[in-house]
Each structure stands twice: as structure tokens, then as C-alpha cells.
N, C-alpha and C. Protein backbone atom coordinates (compact mmCIF):
# COMPACT_ATOMS: atom_id res chain seq x y z
N MET A 1 2.66 7.84 -19.84
CA MET A 1 2.47 8.44 -18.53
C MET A 1 3.68 9.29 -18.20
N ALA A 2 3.44 10.56 -17.88
CA ALA A 2 4.53 11.48 -17.58
C ALA A 2 5.25 11.06 -16.30
N THR A 3 6.55 11.30 -16.25
CA THR A 3 7.35 10.92 -15.10
C THR A 3 7.73 12.16 -14.31
N PRO A 4 7.13 12.37 -13.13
CA PRO A 4 7.51 13.53 -12.32
C PRO A 4 8.91 13.35 -11.75
N THR A 5 9.55 14.46 -11.42
CA THR A 5 10.89 14.41 -10.85
C THR A 5 10.90 14.75 -9.37
N THR A 6 9.80 15.30 -8.85
CA THR A 6 9.69 15.63 -7.44
C THR A 6 8.36 15.10 -6.91
N PRO A 7 8.25 14.82 -5.61
CA PRO A 7 6.99 14.32 -5.06
C PRO A 7 5.87 15.33 -5.24
N PRO A 8 4.70 14.90 -5.68
CA PRO A 8 3.58 15.83 -5.85
C PRO A 8 2.99 16.23 -4.50
N THR A 9 2.47 17.43 -4.42
CA THR A 9 1.73 17.87 -3.25
C THR A 9 0.44 18.52 -3.72
N TYR A 10 -0.62 18.29 -2.95
CA TYR A 10 -1.93 18.84 -3.25
C TYR A 10 -2.51 19.42 -1.97
N PRO A 11 -3.42 20.38 -2.08
CA PRO A 11 -4.05 20.92 -0.86
C PRO A 11 -4.75 19.81 -0.06
N HIS A 12 -4.56 19.85 1.23
CA HIS A 12 -5.27 18.95 2.14
C HIS A 12 -4.89 17.48 1.96
N ASP A 13 -3.64 17.23 1.56
CA ASP A 13 -3.15 15.86 1.62
C ASP A 13 -3.30 15.36 3.06
N GLN A 14 -3.62 14.08 3.21
CA GLN A 14 -3.66 13.50 4.55
C GLN A 14 -2.32 12.87 4.86
N GLU A 15 -1.71 13.29 5.94
CA GLU A 15 -0.42 12.74 6.35
C GLU A 15 -0.63 11.66 7.39
N ILE A 16 -0.01 10.51 7.18
CA ILE A 16 -0.05 9.41 8.14
C ILE A 16 1.39 9.10 8.52
N ILE A 17 1.69 9.17 9.81
CA ILE A 17 3.05 8.86 10.29
C ILE A 17 3.10 7.38 10.64
N LEU A 18 4.04 6.68 10.03
CA LEU A 18 4.16 5.24 10.23
C LEU A 18 5.17 4.95 11.34
N PRO A 19 4.80 4.13 12.32
CA PRO A 19 5.75 3.81 13.39
C PRO A 19 6.85 2.89 12.87
N ASN A 20 8.06 3.12 13.35
CA ASN A 20 9.19 2.28 12.98
C ASN A 20 9.40 1.27 14.10
N LEU A 21 8.91 0.05 13.89
CA LEU A 21 8.96 -0.95 14.95
C LEU A 21 10.37 -1.49 15.17
N LEU A 22 11.25 -1.33 14.18
CA LEU A 22 12.60 -1.86 14.33
C LEU A 22 13.46 -0.97 15.23
N THR A 23 13.35 0.33 15.08
CA THR A 23 14.23 1.24 15.80
C THR A 23 13.52 2.11 16.81
N GLY A 24 12.22 2.28 16.67
CA GLY A 24 11.50 3.16 17.56
C GLY A 24 11.79 4.63 17.35
N LEU A 25 12.50 4.98 16.29
CA LEU A 25 12.86 6.37 16.06
C LEU A 25 11.64 7.17 15.64
N GLN A 26 11.45 8.31 16.23
CA GLN A 26 10.36 9.20 15.85
C GLN A 26 10.86 10.64 15.73
N ASP A 27 12.12 10.81 15.38
CA ASP A 27 12.66 12.15 15.20
C ASP A 27 12.66 12.50 13.72
N ALA A 28 13.23 13.65 13.37
CA ALA A 28 13.16 14.13 11.99
C ALA A 28 13.83 13.19 11.01
N SER A 29 14.82 12.41 11.47
CA SER A 29 15.54 11.53 10.55
C SER A 29 14.97 10.12 10.51
N GLY A 30 14.12 9.77 11.47
CA GLY A 30 13.69 8.39 11.57
C GLY A 30 12.20 8.16 11.44
N THR A 31 11.43 9.16 11.07
CA THR A 31 9.99 9.02 10.97
C THR A 31 9.59 8.85 9.50
N ALA A 32 8.76 7.84 9.24
CA ALA A 32 8.26 7.62 7.89
C ALA A 32 6.91 8.32 7.73
N HIS A 33 6.70 8.92 6.57
CA HIS A 33 5.46 9.65 6.30
C HIS A 33 4.80 9.10 5.04
N LEU A 34 3.48 8.93 5.11
CA LEU A 34 2.68 8.56 3.97
C LEU A 34 1.68 9.68 3.72
N TYR A 35 1.61 10.16 2.49
CA TYR A 35 0.70 11.24 2.13
C TYR A 35 -0.35 10.70 1.17
N LEU A 36 -1.61 10.71 1.60
CA LEU A 36 -2.72 10.33 0.73
C LEU A 36 -3.19 11.57 -0.02
N HIS A 37 -3.20 11.48 -1.35
CA HIS A 37 -3.49 12.64 -2.19
C HIS A 37 -4.99 12.72 -2.49
N HIS A 38 -5.76 13.17 -1.49
CA HIS A 38 -7.21 13.20 -1.63
C HIS A 38 -7.67 14.19 -2.70
N HIS A 39 -6.90 15.23 -2.95
CA HIS A 39 -7.34 16.27 -3.87
C HIS A 39 -6.52 16.27 -5.16
N ALA A 40 -5.91 15.14 -5.47
CA ALA A 40 -5.22 15.03 -6.76
C ALA A 40 -6.23 15.04 -7.90
N PRO A 41 -5.91 15.66 -9.02
CA PRO A 41 -6.81 15.60 -10.18
C PRO A 41 -7.06 14.15 -10.58
N ALA A 42 -8.30 13.83 -10.91
CA ALA A 42 -8.64 12.45 -11.25
C ALA A 42 -7.79 11.92 -12.40
N SER A 43 -7.40 12.80 -13.29
CA SER A 43 -6.64 12.37 -14.46
C SER A 43 -5.25 11.84 -14.10
N THR A 44 -4.70 12.27 -12.96
CA THR A 44 -3.36 11.80 -12.58
C THR A 44 -3.39 10.43 -11.94
N GLN A 45 -4.51 10.07 -11.29
CA GLN A 45 -4.65 8.84 -10.52
C GLN A 45 -3.60 8.74 -9.41
N ASP A 46 -3.04 9.89 -8.97
CA ASP A 46 -2.10 9.88 -7.86
C ASP A 46 -2.83 9.48 -6.58
N VAL A 47 -2.32 8.47 -5.90
CA VAL A 47 -2.95 7.97 -4.69
C VAL A 47 -2.12 8.32 -3.45
N LEU A 48 -0.82 8.07 -3.48
CA LEU A 48 -0.02 8.31 -2.28
C LEU A 48 1.43 8.54 -2.64
N THR A 49 2.13 9.17 -1.70
CA THR A 49 3.58 9.27 -1.73
C THR A 49 4.11 8.78 -0.39
N LEU A 50 5.10 7.91 -0.42
CA LEU A 50 5.77 7.41 0.76
C LEU A 50 7.13 8.07 0.89
N HIS A 51 7.45 8.56 2.08
CA HIS A 51 8.77 9.08 2.40
C HIS A 51 9.34 8.19 3.50
N LEU A 52 10.31 7.34 3.14
CA LEU A 52 10.87 6.36 4.07
C LEU A 52 12.33 6.70 4.36
N PRO A 53 12.68 7.05 5.60
CA PRO A 53 14.06 7.39 5.92
C PRO A 53 14.97 6.17 5.91
N ALA A 54 16.27 6.41 5.96
CA ALA A 54 17.24 5.31 5.91
C ALA A 54 17.07 4.36 7.08
N SER A 55 16.61 4.87 8.22
CA SER A 55 16.48 4.04 9.43
C SER A 55 15.19 3.24 9.46
N PHE A 56 14.39 3.31 8.40
CA PHE A 56 13.07 2.66 8.37
C PHE A 56 13.08 1.51 7.38
N ALA A 57 12.70 0.31 7.84
CA ALA A 57 12.57 -0.85 6.96
C ALA A 57 11.10 -1.03 6.59
N PHE A 58 10.83 -1.37 5.34
CA PHE A 58 9.46 -1.49 4.83
C PHE A 58 9.35 -2.78 4.04
N ASP A 59 8.29 -3.54 4.29
CA ASP A 59 8.11 -4.82 3.60
C ASP A 59 6.63 -5.00 3.29
N ALA A 60 6.27 -4.96 2.01
CA ALA A 60 4.90 -5.27 1.58
C ALA A 60 4.88 -6.71 1.11
N HIS A 61 4.21 -7.57 1.86
CA HIS A 61 4.23 -9.01 1.60
C HIS A 61 3.52 -9.34 0.27
N PRO A 62 3.81 -10.52 -0.30
CA PRO A 62 3.24 -10.88 -1.61
C PRO A 62 1.70 -10.82 -1.61
N HIS A 63 1.15 -10.21 -2.66
CA HIS A 63 -0.29 -10.07 -2.80
C HIS A 63 -0.60 -9.73 -4.25
N TYR A 64 -1.89 -9.72 -4.58
CA TYR A 64 -2.33 -9.23 -5.89
C TYR A 64 -3.66 -8.52 -5.72
N HIS A 65 -4.08 -7.83 -6.78
CA HIS A 65 -5.33 -7.08 -6.76
C HIS A 65 -6.26 -7.60 -7.85
N ARG A 66 -7.51 -7.82 -7.50
CA ARG A 66 -8.46 -8.40 -8.44
C ARG A 66 -8.94 -7.39 -9.48
N ARG A 67 -9.08 -6.12 -9.11
CA ARG A 67 -9.64 -5.12 -10.01
C ARG A 67 -8.67 -4.01 -10.39
N SER A 68 -7.87 -3.59 -9.45
CA SER A 68 -7.09 -2.37 -9.66
C SER A 68 -5.72 -2.66 -10.27
N SER A 69 -5.25 -1.71 -11.04
CA SER A 69 -3.88 -1.71 -11.52
C SER A 69 -3.08 -0.73 -10.67
N GLU A 70 -1.79 -0.98 -10.54
CA GLU A 70 -0.91 -0.10 -9.78
C GLU A 70 0.27 0.32 -10.64
N SER A 71 0.71 1.55 -10.43
CA SER A 71 1.93 2.04 -11.08
C SER A 71 2.80 2.67 -9.99
N MET A 72 4.06 2.24 -9.94
CA MET A 72 5.00 2.71 -8.92
C MET A 72 6.14 3.47 -9.58
N LEU A 73 6.57 4.54 -8.91
CA LEU A 73 7.70 5.31 -9.39
C LEU A 73 8.58 5.66 -8.19
N VAL A 74 9.83 5.23 -8.22
CA VAL A 74 10.78 5.59 -7.17
C VAL A 74 11.42 6.93 -7.56
N LEU A 75 11.25 7.93 -6.70
CA LEU A 75 11.80 9.25 -6.95
C LEU A 75 13.16 9.44 -6.29
N GLU A 76 13.42 8.65 -5.27
CA GLU A 76 14.71 8.72 -4.57
C GLU A 76 15.00 7.36 -3.95
N GLY A 77 16.24 6.89 -4.06
CA GLY A 77 16.62 5.62 -3.46
C GLY A 77 16.31 4.43 -4.34
N ALA A 78 16.07 3.27 -3.72
CA ALA A 78 15.82 2.03 -4.44
C ALA A 78 14.96 1.10 -3.61
N VAL A 79 14.11 0.32 -4.29
CA VAL A 79 13.21 -0.64 -3.65
C VAL A 79 13.38 -1.98 -4.36
N HIS A 80 13.51 -3.05 -3.58
CA HIS A 80 13.54 -4.40 -4.15
C HIS A 80 12.11 -4.89 -4.34
N CYS A 81 11.81 -5.46 -5.47
CA CYS A 81 10.46 -5.96 -5.73
C CYS A 81 10.54 -7.33 -6.39
N THR A 82 9.51 -8.13 -6.14
CA THR A 82 9.35 -9.43 -6.78
C THR A 82 8.03 -9.42 -7.52
N ILE A 83 8.08 -9.58 -8.85
CA ILE A 83 6.91 -9.50 -9.71
C ILE A 83 6.69 -10.86 -10.38
N ASN A 84 5.59 -11.52 -10.04
CA ASN A 84 5.31 -12.86 -10.58
C ASN A 84 6.52 -13.77 -10.47
N GLY A 85 7.18 -13.72 -9.32
CA GLY A 85 8.31 -14.60 -9.05
C GLY A 85 9.66 -14.10 -9.50
N HIS A 86 9.71 -12.99 -10.21
CA HIS A 86 10.98 -12.45 -10.71
C HIS A 86 11.40 -11.26 -9.86
N ARG A 87 12.59 -11.33 -9.30
CA ARG A 87 13.09 -10.28 -8.41
C ARG A 87 13.87 -9.23 -9.21
N ARG A 88 13.66 -7.97 -8.89
CA ARG A 88 14.39 -6.87 -9.51
C ARG A 88 14.48 -5.72 -8.52
N THR A 89 15.31 -4.75 -8.84
CA THR A 89 15.45 -3.56 -8.02
C THR A 89 14.97 -2.36 -8.83
N LEU A 90 14.06 -1.62 -8.26
CA LEU A 90 13.51 -0.42 -8.90
C LEU A 90 14.19 0.79 -8.28
N ARG A 91 14.88 1.57 -9.12
CA ARG A 91 15.67 2.70 -8.65
C ARG A 91 15.11 4.01 -9.20
N ALA A 92 15.49 5.09 -8.53
CA ALA A 92 15.15 6.42 -9.04
C ALA A 92 15.72 6.57 -10.45
N GLY A 93 14.89 7.06 -11.37
CA GLY A 93 15.30 7.21 -12.76
C GLY A 93 14.90 6.06 -13.65
N ASP A 94 14.41 4.95 -13.07
CA ASP A 94 14.02 3.80 -13.88
C ASP A 94 12.68 3.99 -14.58
N GLY A 95 11.91 4.97 -14.16
CA GLY A 95 10.59 5.17 -14.75
C GLY A 95 9.53 4.37 -14.01
N TRP A 96 8.33 4.36 -14.57
CA TRP A 96 7.18 3.73 -13.93
C TRP A 96 7.22 2.21 -14.04
N LEU A 97 6.83 1.54 -12.96
CA LEU A 97 6.59 0.10 -12.97
C LEU A 97 5.08 -0.10 -12.97
N HIS A 98 4.53 -0.75 -14.00
CA HIS A 98 3.09 -0.93 -14.15
C HIS A 98 2.71 -2.36 -13.78
N LEU A 99 1.70 -2.49 -12.94
CA LEU A 99 1.24 -3.80 -12.47
C LEU A 99 -0.24 -3.95 -12.79
N PRO A 100 -0.60 -4.74 -13.80
CA PRO A 100 -2.02 -4.98 -14.11
C PRO A 100 -2.67 -5.82 -13.01
N PRO A 101 -4.02 -5.89 -13.01
CA PRO A 101 -4.70 -6.76 -12.05
C PRO A 101 -4.17 -8.20 -12.12
N TYR A 102 -4.20 -8.87 -10.99
CA TYR A 102 -3.76 -10.26 -10.83
C TYR A 102 -2.25 -10.44 -10.99
N THR A 103 -1.48 -9.36 -10.93
CA THR A 103 -0.03 -9.47 -10.93
C THR A 103 0.44 -9.67 -9.49
N ARG A 104 1.09 -10.78 -9.22
CA ARG A 104 1.58 -11.04 -7.88
C ARG A 104 2.85 -10.22 -7.63
N HIS A 105 2.88 -9.49 -6.52
CA HIS A 105 4.00 -8.60 -6.29
C HIS A 105 4.24 -8.39 -4.81
N SER A 106 5.48 -8.06 -4.50
CA SER A 106 5.87 -7.68 -3.14
C SER A 106 6.99 -6.65 -3.25
N PHE A 107 7.18 -5.89 -2.16
CA PHE A 107 8.20 -4.85 -2.15
C PHE A 107 8.96 -4.89 -0.84
N GLU A 108 10.23 -4.54 -0.92
CA GLU A 108 11.06 -4.50 0.27
C GLU A 108 12.00 -3.30 0.19
N LYS A 109 11.98 -2.50 1.24
CA LYS A 109 12.91 -1.38 1.35
C LYS A 109 13.81 -1.66 2.55
N PRO A 110 15.09 -1.99 2.33
CA PRO A 110 15.97 -2.34 3.45
C PRO A 110 16.43 -1.11 4.21
N LEU A 111 17.03 -1.36 5.36
CA LEU A 111 17.63 -0.30 6.14
C LEU A 111 18.81 0.31 5.38
N GLY A 112 19.09 1.57 5.63
CA GLY A 112 20.30 2.20 5.12
C GLY A 112 20.12 3.09 3.92
N THR A 113 18.92 3.12 3.31
CA THR A 113 18.68 3.93 2.13
C THR A 113 17.37 4.68 2.27
N LYS A 114 17.39 5.98 2.04
CA LYS A 114 16.17 6.76 2.03
C LYS A 114 15.43 6.52 0.72
N VAL A 115 14.11 6.42 0.80
CA VAL A 115 13.29 6.16 -0.39
C VAL A 115 12.11 7.12 -0.41
N VAL A 116 11.83 7.68 -1.57
CA VAL A 116 10.60 8.43 -1.82
C VAL A 116 9.91 7.75 -3.00
N TRP A 117 8.64 7.41 -2.82
CA TRP A 117 7.94 6.50 -3.74
C TRP A 117 6.55 7.07 -4.02
N LEU A 118 6.19 7.18 -5.29
CA LEU A 118 4.87 7.64 -5.72
C LEU A 118 4.08 6.47 -6.28
N GLU A 119 2.80 6.40 -5.92
CA GLU A 119 1.93 5.33 -6.43
C GLU A 119 0.70 5.93 -7.10
N ARG A 120 0.36 5.37 -8.26
CA ARG A 120 -0.87 5.70 -8.96
C ARG A 120 -1.69 4.43 -9.14
N ASP A 121 -3.01 4.57 -9.03
CA ASP A 121 -3.89 3.40 -9.10
C ASP A 121 -5.11 3.70 -9.96
N GLY A 122 -5.57 2.70 -10.68
CA GLY A 122 -6.77 2.81 -11.47
C GLY A 122 -7.56 1.50 -11.39
N PRO A 123 -8.81 1.49 -11.78
CA PRO A 123 -9.54 2.61 -12.39
C PRO A 123 -10.18 3.57 -11.37
N ASP A 124 -10.10 3.23 -10.06
CA ASP A 124 -10.79 4.03 -9.04
C ASP A 124 -9.79 4.43 -7.95
N PRO A 125 -9.03 5.50 -8.16
CA PRO A 125 -8.04 5.88 -7.14
C PRO A 125 -8.65 6.23 -5.80
N ASP A 126 -9.88 6.74 -5.76
CA ASP A 126 -10.49 7.08 -4.48
C ASP A 126 -10.73 5.83 -3.63
N ALA A 127 -11.11 4.72 -4.26
CA ALA A 127 -11.29 3.48 -3.53
C ALA A 127 -9.97 3.03 -2.91
N LYS A 128 -8.88 3.23 -3.64
CA LYS A 128 -7.57 2.85 -3.11
C LYS A 128 -7.18 3.72 -1.93
N LYS A 129 -7.52 5.00 -1.98
CA LYS A 129 -7.22 5.89 -0.86
C LYS A 129 -8.01 5.45 0.38
N ARG A 130 -9.27 5.07 0.19
CA ARG A 130 -10.06 4.60 1.33
C ARG A 130 -9.44 3.34 1.93
N PHE A 131 -8.95 2.45 1.05
CA PHE A 131 -8.32 1.23 1.56
C PHE A 131 -7.08 1.56 2.38
N TYR A 132 -6.21 2.41 1.85
CA TYR A 132 -4.98 2.73 2.57
C TYR A 132 -5.29 3.42 3.90
N ARG A 133 -6.28 4.29 3.89
CA ARG A 133 -6.64 4.96 5.13
C ARG A 133 -7.15 3.95 6.15
N ASP A 134 -8.01 3.04 5.72
CA ASP A 134 -8.51 1.98 6.59
C ASP A 134 -7.35 1.11 7.08
N TYR A 135 -6.48 0.72 6.16
CA TYR A 135 -5.39 -0.21 6.51
C TYR A 135 -4.45 0.40 7.55
N TYR A 136 -4.04 1.63 7.34
CA TYR A 136 -3.07 2.22 8.26
C TYR A 136 -3.70 2.68 9.57
N GLU A 137 -5.00 2.87 9.61
CA GLU A 137 -5.65 3.22 10.86
C GLU A 137 -6.14 2.00 11.63
N ASN A 138 -6.48 0.91 10.93
CA ASN A 138 -7.13 -0.22 11.59
C ASN A 138 -6.38 -1.55 11.46
N GLY A 139 -5.51 -1.69 10.44
CA GLY A 139 -4.91 -3.00 10.22
C GLY A 139 -3.42 -3.05 10.39
N HIS A 140 -2.71 -2.03 9.97
CA HIS A 140 -1.25 -2.05 9.93
C HIS A 140 -0.65 -2.30 11.31
N GLU A 141 0.17 -3.36 11.41
CA GLU A 141 0.86 -3.74 12.63
C GLU A 141 -0.10 -3.98 13.80
N LYS A 142 -1.38 -4.31 13.51
CA LYS A 142 -2.34 -4.56 14.57
C LYS A 142 -2.85 -5.99 14.53
N GLY A 143 -2.11 -6.84 13.85
CA GLY A 143 -2.46 -8.25 13.83
C GLY A 143 -3.06 -8.71 12.52
N LEU A 144 -2.92 -10.00 12.24
CA LEU A 144 -3.37 -10.58 10.97
C LEU A 144 -4.88 -10.46 10.79
N VAL A 145 -5.65 -10.70 11.84
CA VAL A 145 -7.10 -10.69 11.72
C VAL A 145 -7.60 -9.30 11.32
N ARG A 146 -7.06 -8.26 11.95
CA ARG A 146 -7.47 -6.90 11.60
C ARG A 146 -7.06 -6.55 10.17
N THR A 147 -5.88 -7.01 9.76
CA THR A 147 -5.43 -6.77 8.40
C THR A 147 -6.34 -7.45 7.39
N LEU A 148 -6.72 -8.70 7.65
CA LEU A 148 -7.62 -9.42 6.75
C LEU A 148 -9.00 -8.76 6.70
N ALA A 149 -9.44 -8.17 7.81
CA ALA A 149 -10.71 -7.44 7.79
C ALA A 149 -10.63 -6.24 6.86
N CYS A 150 -9.48 -5.57 6.84
CA CYS A 150 -9.29 -4.46 5.90
C CYS A 150 -9.34 -4.96 4.46
N PHE A 151 -8.69 -6.10 4.20
CA PHE A 151 -8.71 -6.68 2.85
C PHE A 151 -10.13 -7.05 2.44
N TYR A 152 -10.91 -7.58 3.39
CA TYR A 152 -12.30 -7.94 3.09
C TYR A 152 -13.11 -6.70 2.70
N ARG A 153 -12.96 -5.62 3.46
CA ARG A 153 -13.70 -4.40 3.15
C ARG A 153 -13.27 -3.83 1.81
N ASP A 154 -11.99 -3.98 1.49
CA ASP A 154 -11.47 -3.49 0.22
C ASP A 154 -12.04 -4.29 -0.95
N GLY A 155 -12.10 -5.61 -0.80
CA GLY A 155 -12.63 -6.47 -1.85
C GLY A 155 -11.73 -6.60 -3.06
N ASP A 156 -10.50 -6.14 -2.95
CA ASP A 156 -9.60 -6.11 -4.12
C ASP A 156 -8.27 -6.79 -3.85
N THR A 157 -7.75 -6.68 -2.64
CA THR A 157 -6.42 -7.18 -2.30
C THR A 157 -6.51 -8.58 -1.72
N VAL A 158 -5.68 -9.50 -2.26
CA VAL A 158 -5.67 -10.89 -1.81
C VAL A 158 -4.23 -11.31 -1.54
N PRO A 159 -3.93 -11.90 -0.37
CA PRO A 159 -2.59 -12.39 -0.12
C PRO A 159 -2.20 -13.45 -1.15
N SER A 160 -0.96 -13.42 -1.59
CA SER A 160 -0.45 -14.40 -2.55
C SER A 160 0.52 -15.32 -1.83
N LEU A 161 0.16 -16.60 -1.75
CA LEU A 161 0.95 -17.57 -1.01
C LEU A 161 1.77 -18.42 -1.96
N ARG A 162 2.92 -18.90 -1.47
CA ARG A 162 3.76 -19.78 -2.28
C ARG A 162 3.08 -21.13 -2.47
N GLY A 163 3.33 -21.76 -3.61
CA GLY A 163 2.83 -23.11 -3.81
C GLY A 163 2.00 -23.30 -5.06
N GLY A 164 1.82 -22.25 -5.86
CA GLY A 164 1.08 -22.42 -7.10
C GLY A 164 -0.31 -21.82 -7.03
N ALA A 165 -1.04 -22.00 -8.15
CA ALA A 165 -2.33 -21.35 -8.27
C ALA A 165 -3.34 -21.84 -7.23
N TRP A 166 -3.19 -23.09 -6.78
CA TRP A 166 -4.17 -23.61 -5.82
C TRP A 166 -4.17 -22.82 -4.53
N THR A 167 -3.04 -22.17 -4.21
CA THR A 167 -2.98 -21.41 -2.97
C THR A 167 -3.83 -20.14 -3.04
N ASP A 168 -4.27 -19.76 -4.25
CA ASP A 168 -5.19 -18.63 -4.34
C ASP A 168 -6.45 -18.88 -3.52
N TRP A 169 -6.89 -20.13 -3.48
CA TRP A 169 -8.08 -20.45 -2.70
C TRP A 169 -7.83 -20.24 -1.22
N VAL A 170 -6.60 -20.50 -0.78
CA VAL A 170 -6.26 -20.26 0.62
C VAL A 170 -6.31 -18.75 0.92
N GLY A 171 -5.72 -17.95 0.01
CA GLY A 171 -5.75 -16.51 0.19
C GLY A 171 -7.17 -15.97 0.22
N TRP A 172 -7.99 -16.45 -0.72
CA TRP A 172 -9.40 -16.02 -0.75
C TRP A 172 -10.10 -16.43 0.55
N GLY A 173 -9.82 -17.65 1.01
CA GLY A 173 -10.45 -18.12 2.24
C GLY A 173 -10.06 -17.28 3.44
N MET A 174 -8.80 -16.88 3.49
CA MET A 174 -8.34 -16.03 4.59
C MET A 174 -9.06 -14.69 4.59
N VAL A 175 -9.19 -14.09 3.39
CA VAL A 175 -9.81 -12.77 3.30
C VAL A 175 -11.31 -12.84 3.55
N TYR A 176 -12.00 -13.74 2.83
CA TYR A 176 -13.45 -13.76 2.88
C TYR A 176 -14.00 -14.60 4.03
N GLY A 177 -13.17 -15.50 4.57
CA GLY A 177 -13.58 -16.25 5.75
C GLY A 177 -13.21 -15.53 7.03
N VAL A 178 -11.92 -15.50 7.31
CA VAL A 178 -11.44 -14.87 8.55
C VAL A 178 -11.70 -13.36 8.53
N GLY A 179 -11.31 -12.69 7.42
CA GLY A 179 -11.49 -11.25 7.34
C GLY A 179 -12.95 -10.84 7.37
N GLY A 180 -13.81 -11.58 6.62
CA GLY A 180 -15.23 -11.27 6.61
C GLY A 180 -15.87 -11.45 7.96
N LEU A 181 -15.53 -12.55 8.64
CA LEU A 181 -16.08 -12.78 9.97
C LEU A 181 -15.64 -11.69 10.94
N ALA A 182 -14.36 -11.31 10.87
CA ALA A 182 -13.86 -10.27 11.75
C ALA A 182 -14.57 -8.95 11.50
N HIS A 183 -14.81 -8.64 10.23
CA HIS A 183 -15.50 -7.39 9.89
C HIS A 183 -16.91 -7.37 10.48
N TRP A 184 -17.65 -8.44 10.27
CA TRP A 184 -19.03 -8.45 10.73
C TRP A 184 -19.14 -8.58 12.24
N MET A 185 -18.05 -8.98 12.89
CA MET A 185 -18.02 -8.99 14.36
C MET A 185 -17.55 -7.65 14.92
N GLY A 186 -17.23 -6.71 14.01
CA GLY A 186 -16.83 -5.38 14.44
C GLY A 186 -15.38 -5.25 14.82
N VAL A 187 -14.53 -6.15 14.31
CA VAL A 187 -13.11 -6.10 14.63
C VAL A 187 -12.42 -5.14 13.67
N GLY A 188 -11.70 -4.16 14.18
CA GLY A 188 -10.81 -3.36 13.35
C GLY A 188 -11.47 -2.24 12.57
N GLY A 189 -12.56 -1.66 13.08
CA GLY A 189 -13.11 -0.48 12.43
C GLY A 189 -14.11 -0.81 11.35
N GLU A 190 -14.61 0.24 10.70
CA GLU A 190 -15.65 0.12 9.69
C GLU A 190 -15.16 0.35 8.29
N GLY A 191 -13.90 0.73 8.15
CA GLY A 191 -13.34 0.94 6.81
C GLY A 191 -14.06 1.99 6.02
N GLY A 192 -14.26 1.71 4.73
CA GLY A 192 -14.86 2.68 3.84
C GLY A 192 -16.31 2.99 4.14
N GLU A 193 -16.96 2.20 5.03
CA GLU A 193 -18.36 2.45 5.34
C GLU A 193 -18.54 3.45 6.48
N GLY A 194 -17.47 3.75 7.23
CA GLY A 194 -17.59 4.61 8.39
C GLY A 194 -17.52 6.08 8.02
N GLU A 195 -18.14 6.92 8.84
CA GLU A 195 -18.12 8.36 8.58
C GLU A 195 -16.71 8.91 8.56
N GLY A 196 -15.83 8.31 9.37
CA GLY A 196 -14.47 8.82 9.46
C GLY A 196 -13.61 8.50 8.27
N PHE A 197 -14.12 7.75 7.32
CA PHE A 197 -13.28 7.29 6.22
C PHE A 197 -13.70 7.86 4.88
N LYS A 198 -14.50 8.91 4.89
CA LYS A 198 -14.87 9.54 3.63
C LYS A 198 -13.67 10.30 3.06
N VAL A 199 -13.51 10.23 1.75
CA VAL A 199 -12.49 11.04 1.09
C VAL A 199 -13.04 12.44 0.92
N GLU A 200 -12.37 13.39 1.55
CA GLU A 200 -12.89 14.76 1.54
C GLU A 200 -12.63 15.44 0.22
């Protein structure tokens, strides 16, 4: 897989501005941007680029994916990650980090360092774009129930809890019990089924 040196841009990328709940900054130096690459060539599997300023803290809690693989590339700065219980730091120049399905992982970007991060997903990058669009419009920072409803609609992402393999059943129960009920009760949007969530 080729390693780009600059963030990719494509026509009609969707920009999502992420609120910084720690500092409330929304100026040029403190606003985080996520770009969904709707018009990326299918062969690249480019899904998104994150631009996180030094004043923005980011934490993706432990989870895994049942079907999709993920590949991460840090283009600027550094991100702390925990992969199947092993902690490491992924820095610009380290190359791609590949995560097959069922790989438990989490990411943390602390305050004080700017990060630019590219993500590729397979085998269906468009499904991943729909999930991210649903998540950031309906679930992100809007409560656990709404987040679980997004996971239910996605059908791929499952929270990974500490305590061994038996906790997988707890994660599944949270997604398909709480998240499924919330979805069918109309909590947190329609996700990939709604007209507003088509990949253009």
C-alpha cells in the first residue's frame, strides 16, 4: 500500500467540524475538521482525513469491527493506540497501521500536539463513510444510547470491554439490545437508511 505524504483531497469532500468540549475553541487554531472522502477512487479505499489541532483532545474508546478492516496513517504528529492490549505510539513516518477484523483497538490524541490522520477501510469503504456520517451527526457526544443506535445501524462496530472474551457478549448486548431498541424507537436519526445519508 502506497504511503502518501500529504492529506488527500477529492472533489466534494464532506467537511464535518468537531466541537472541542474541553476548551470550547472554535477559531482557526482550535477547530477540528473531519473530511469524508465521498469521491475517492474505490481502489484507494480512502474514507476520511482528520485534522486535529494541538488544543483538541481525541479519544476513540476500545472497540472492534466484525467485517471491516482499517488502515491508519499519521501524516503529522503522533497518536497513542492500544492494539489487542498492547500500547504503542504511531507517529508521522511510521507507515500504515493495519487492523484486520476483530482486532481490539483504541486511539488517544492528547492535548499539545497537532495531528493529521488518514484512514482507509475495506472491503466496503462507502459503508464506513455512511457510518461516520451517521455517528458524527447523530451519536457523537450525544449520549451512549444514541451512539449505540449508530453502532446497531452500522452492524460492524462493537464496544470492547475489559475482562476477557466473555465481555464480548456484553458489548453485543449493548449494541443489539439497547442500540437496536433505540433505533426502532426512532432515537438518534435514521443512519444509512435516511435520505440525508446517501453517499453522493
